[in-house]
């Protein structure tokens, strides 16, 4: 299980990479982070904390818009009504 700090470290490495970052790595890090939280409310709070943490990372990286989009997709998934 990944915690907030570990997940932000993964994102920082992806943002600093000169090689094109793979979106799959960010997505995997988000899933691993969210896995530590049980229940929809806890996961919504967790993704919000993660979003605030990402706001403090390297915003000039070309990967930042992709990372933000990935976070938004997870946020939207958590907001969907359950079946």
C-alpha atoms as a PDB file:
ATOM      1  CA  UNK A   1       0.000   0.000   0.000  1.00  0.00           C
ATOM      2  CA  UNK A   2       1.196   3.449  -0.832  1.00  0.00           C
ATOM      3  CA  UNK A   3       0.794   6.487   1.374  1.00  0.00           C
ATOM      4  CA  UNK A   4       0.448  10.121   0.304  1.00  0.00           C
ATOM      5  CA  UNK A   5       4.158  10.881   0.558  1.00  0.00           C
ATOM      6  CA  UNK A   6       5.183   7.808  -1.434  1.00  0.00           C
ATOM      7  CA  UNK A   7       2.616   8.579  -4.125  1.00  0.00           C
ATOM      8  CA  UNK A   8       3.763  12.195  -4.406  1.00  0.00           C
ATOM      9  CA  UNK A   9       7.364  10.929  -4.679  1.00  0.00           C
ATOM     10  CA  UNK A  10       6.318   8.779  -7.650  1.00  0.00           C
ATOM     11  CA  UNK A  11       4.618  11.781  -9.245  1.00  0.00           C
ATOM     12  CA  UNK A  12       7.666  14.002  -8.621  1.00  0.00           C
ATOM     13  CA  UNK A  13       9.894  11.469 -10.366  1.00  0.00           C
ATOM     14  CA  UNK A  14       7.500  11.296 -13.313  1.00  0.00           C
ATOM     15  CA  UNK A  15       7.340  15.094 -13.525  1.00  0.00           C
ATOM     16  CA  UNK A  16      11.147  15.378 -13.402  1.00  0.00           C
ATOM     17  CA  UNK A  17      11.782  12.665 -15.989  1.00  0.00           C
ATOM     18  CA  UNK A  18      13.205  13.804 -19.289  1.00  0.00           C
ATOM     19  CA  UNK A  19      11.723  10.733 -20.920  1.00  0.00           C
ATOM     20  CA  UNK A  20       8.040  10.891 -21.716  1.00  0.00           C
ATOM     21  CA  UNK A  21       6.268   9.656 -18.618  1.00  0.00           C
ATOM     22  CA  UNK A  22       3.884   6.801 -18.994  1.00  0.00           C
ATOM     23  CA  UNK A  23       0.389   7.626 -17.832  1.00  0.00           C
ATOM     24  CA  UNK A  24       0.061   4.046 -16.638  1.00  0.00           C
ATOM     25  CA  UNK A  25       2.639   4.699 -13.920  1.00  0.00           C
ATOM     26  CA  UNK A  26       0.632   7.607 -12.531  1.00  0.00           C
ATOM     27  CA  UNK A  27      -2.581   5.626 -12.763  1.00  0.00           C
ATOM     28  CA  UNK A  28      -1.027   2.666 -10.928  1.00  0.00           C
ATOM     29  CA  UNK A  29       0.262   4.986  -8.201  1.00  0.00           C
ATOM     30  CA  UNK A  30      -3.213   6.478  -7.737  1.00  0.00           C
ATOM     31  CA  UNK A  31      -4.853   3.036  -7.524  1.00  0.00           C
ATOM     32  CA  UNK A  32      -2.227   1.871  -5.009  1.00  0.00           C
ATOM     33  CA  UNK A  33      -2.779   4.981  -2.899  1.00  0.00           C
ATOM     34  CA  UNK A  34      -6.576   4.688  -2.940  1.00  0.00           C
ATOM     35  CA  UNK A  35      -6.442   0.979  -2.066  1.00  0.00           C
ATOM     36  CA  UNK A  36      -5.473   1.933   1.489  1.00  0.00           C
ATOM     37  CA  UNK A  37      -8.849   3.618   2.052  1.00  0.00           C
ATOM     38  CA  UNK A  38     -12.066   1.714   2.621  1.00  0.00           C
ATOM     39  CA  UNK A  39     -15.316   3.252   1.534  1.00  0.00           C
ATOM     40  CA  UNK A  40     -16.262   5.846  -1.001  1.00  0.00           C
ATOM     41  CA  UNK A  41     -16.134   8.816   1.370  1.00  0.00           C
ATOM     42  CA  UNK A  42     -12.623   7.923   2.515  1.00  0.00           C
ATOM     43  CA  UNK A  43     -11.439   7.526  -1.079  1.00  0.00           C
ATOM     44  CA  UNK A  44     -12.976  10.867  -2.083  1.00  0.00           C
ATOM     45  CA  UNK A  45     -11.161  12.554   0.803  1.00  0.00           C
ATOM     46  CA  UNK A  46      -7.953  10.751  -0.163  1.00  0.00           C
ATOM     47  CA  UNK A  47      -8.100  11.852  -3.813  1.00  0.00           C
ATOM     48  CA  UNK A  48      -8.728  15.429  -2.642  1.00  0.00           C
ATOM     49  CA  UNK A  49      -5.627  15.269  -0.388  1.00  0.00           C
ATOM     50  CA  UNK A  50      -3.652  13.837  -3.292  1.00  0.00           C
ATOM     51  CA  UNK A  51      -4.826  16.670  -5.542  1.00  0.00           C
ATOM     52  CA  UNK A  52      -3.708  19.252  -2.985  1.00  0.00           C
ATOM     53  CA  UNK A  53      -0.332  17.516  -2.762  1.00  0.00           C
ATOM     54  CA  UNK A  54       0.078  17.491  -6.539  1.00  0.00           C
ATOM     55  CA  UNK A  55      -0.578  21.246  -6.597  1.00  0.00           C
ATOM     56  CA  UNK A  56       2.755  21.697  -4.811  1.00  0.00           C
ATOM     57  CA  UNK A  57       4.757  19.727  -7.380  1.00  0.00           C
ATOM     58  CA  UNK A  58       6.602  20.873 -10.514  1.00  0.00           C
ATOM     59  CA  UNK A  59       3.863  22.637 -12.447  1.00  0.00           C
ATOM     60  CA  UNK A  60       6.166  23.433 -15.363  1.00  0.00           C
ATOM     61  CA  UNK A  61       6.546  19.789 -16.358  1.00  0.00           C
ATOM     62  CA  UNK A  62       4.924  18.766 -19.629  1.00  0.00           C
ATOM     63  CA  UNK A  63       3.522  15.782 -17.732  1.00  0.00           C
ATOM     64  CA  UNK A  64       1.550  17.908 -15.239  1.00  0.00           C
ATOM     65  CA  UNK A  65      -1.560  18.332 -17.444  1.00  0.00           C
ATOM     66  CA  UNK A  66      -1.628  14.568 -17.996  1.00  0.00           C
ATOM     67  CA  UNK A  67      -1.294  13.919 -14.273  1.00  0.00           C
ATOM     68  CA  UNK A  68      -4.058  16.397 -13.467  1.00  0.00           C
ATOM     69  CA  UNK A  69      -6.302  14.779 -16.088  1.00  0.00           C
ATOM     70  CA  UNK A  70      -5.644  11.361 -14.556  1.00  0.00           C
ATOM     71  CA  UNK A  71      -6.572  12.672 -11.105  1.00  0.00           C
ATOM     72  CA  UNK A  72      -9.743  14.208 -12.560  1.00  0.00           C
ATOM     73  CA  UNK A  73     -10.717  10.877 -14.126  1.00  0.00           C
ATOM     74  CA  UNK A  74     -10.342   9.147 -10.761  1.00  0.00           C
ATOM     75  CA  UNK A  75     -12.306  11.927  -9.054  1.00  0.00           C
ATOM     76  CA  UNK A  76     -15.090  11.551 -11.647  1.00  0.00           C
ATOM     77  CA  UNK A  77     -15.111   7.770 -11.205  1.00  0.00           C
ATOM     78  CA  UNK A  78     -15.531   8.198  -7.449  1.00  0.00           C
ATOM     79  CA  UNK A  79     -18.385  10.659  -8.015  1.00  0.00           C
ATOM     80  CA  UNK A  80     -20.373   8.224 -10.193  1.00  0.00           C
ATOM     81  CA  UNK A  81     -23.444   6.728  -8.580  1.00  0.00           C
ATOM     82  CA  UNK A  82     -22.875   3.124  -7.584  1.00  0.00           C
ATOM     83  CA  UNK A  83     -24.894   0.471  -9.339  1.00  0.00           C
END
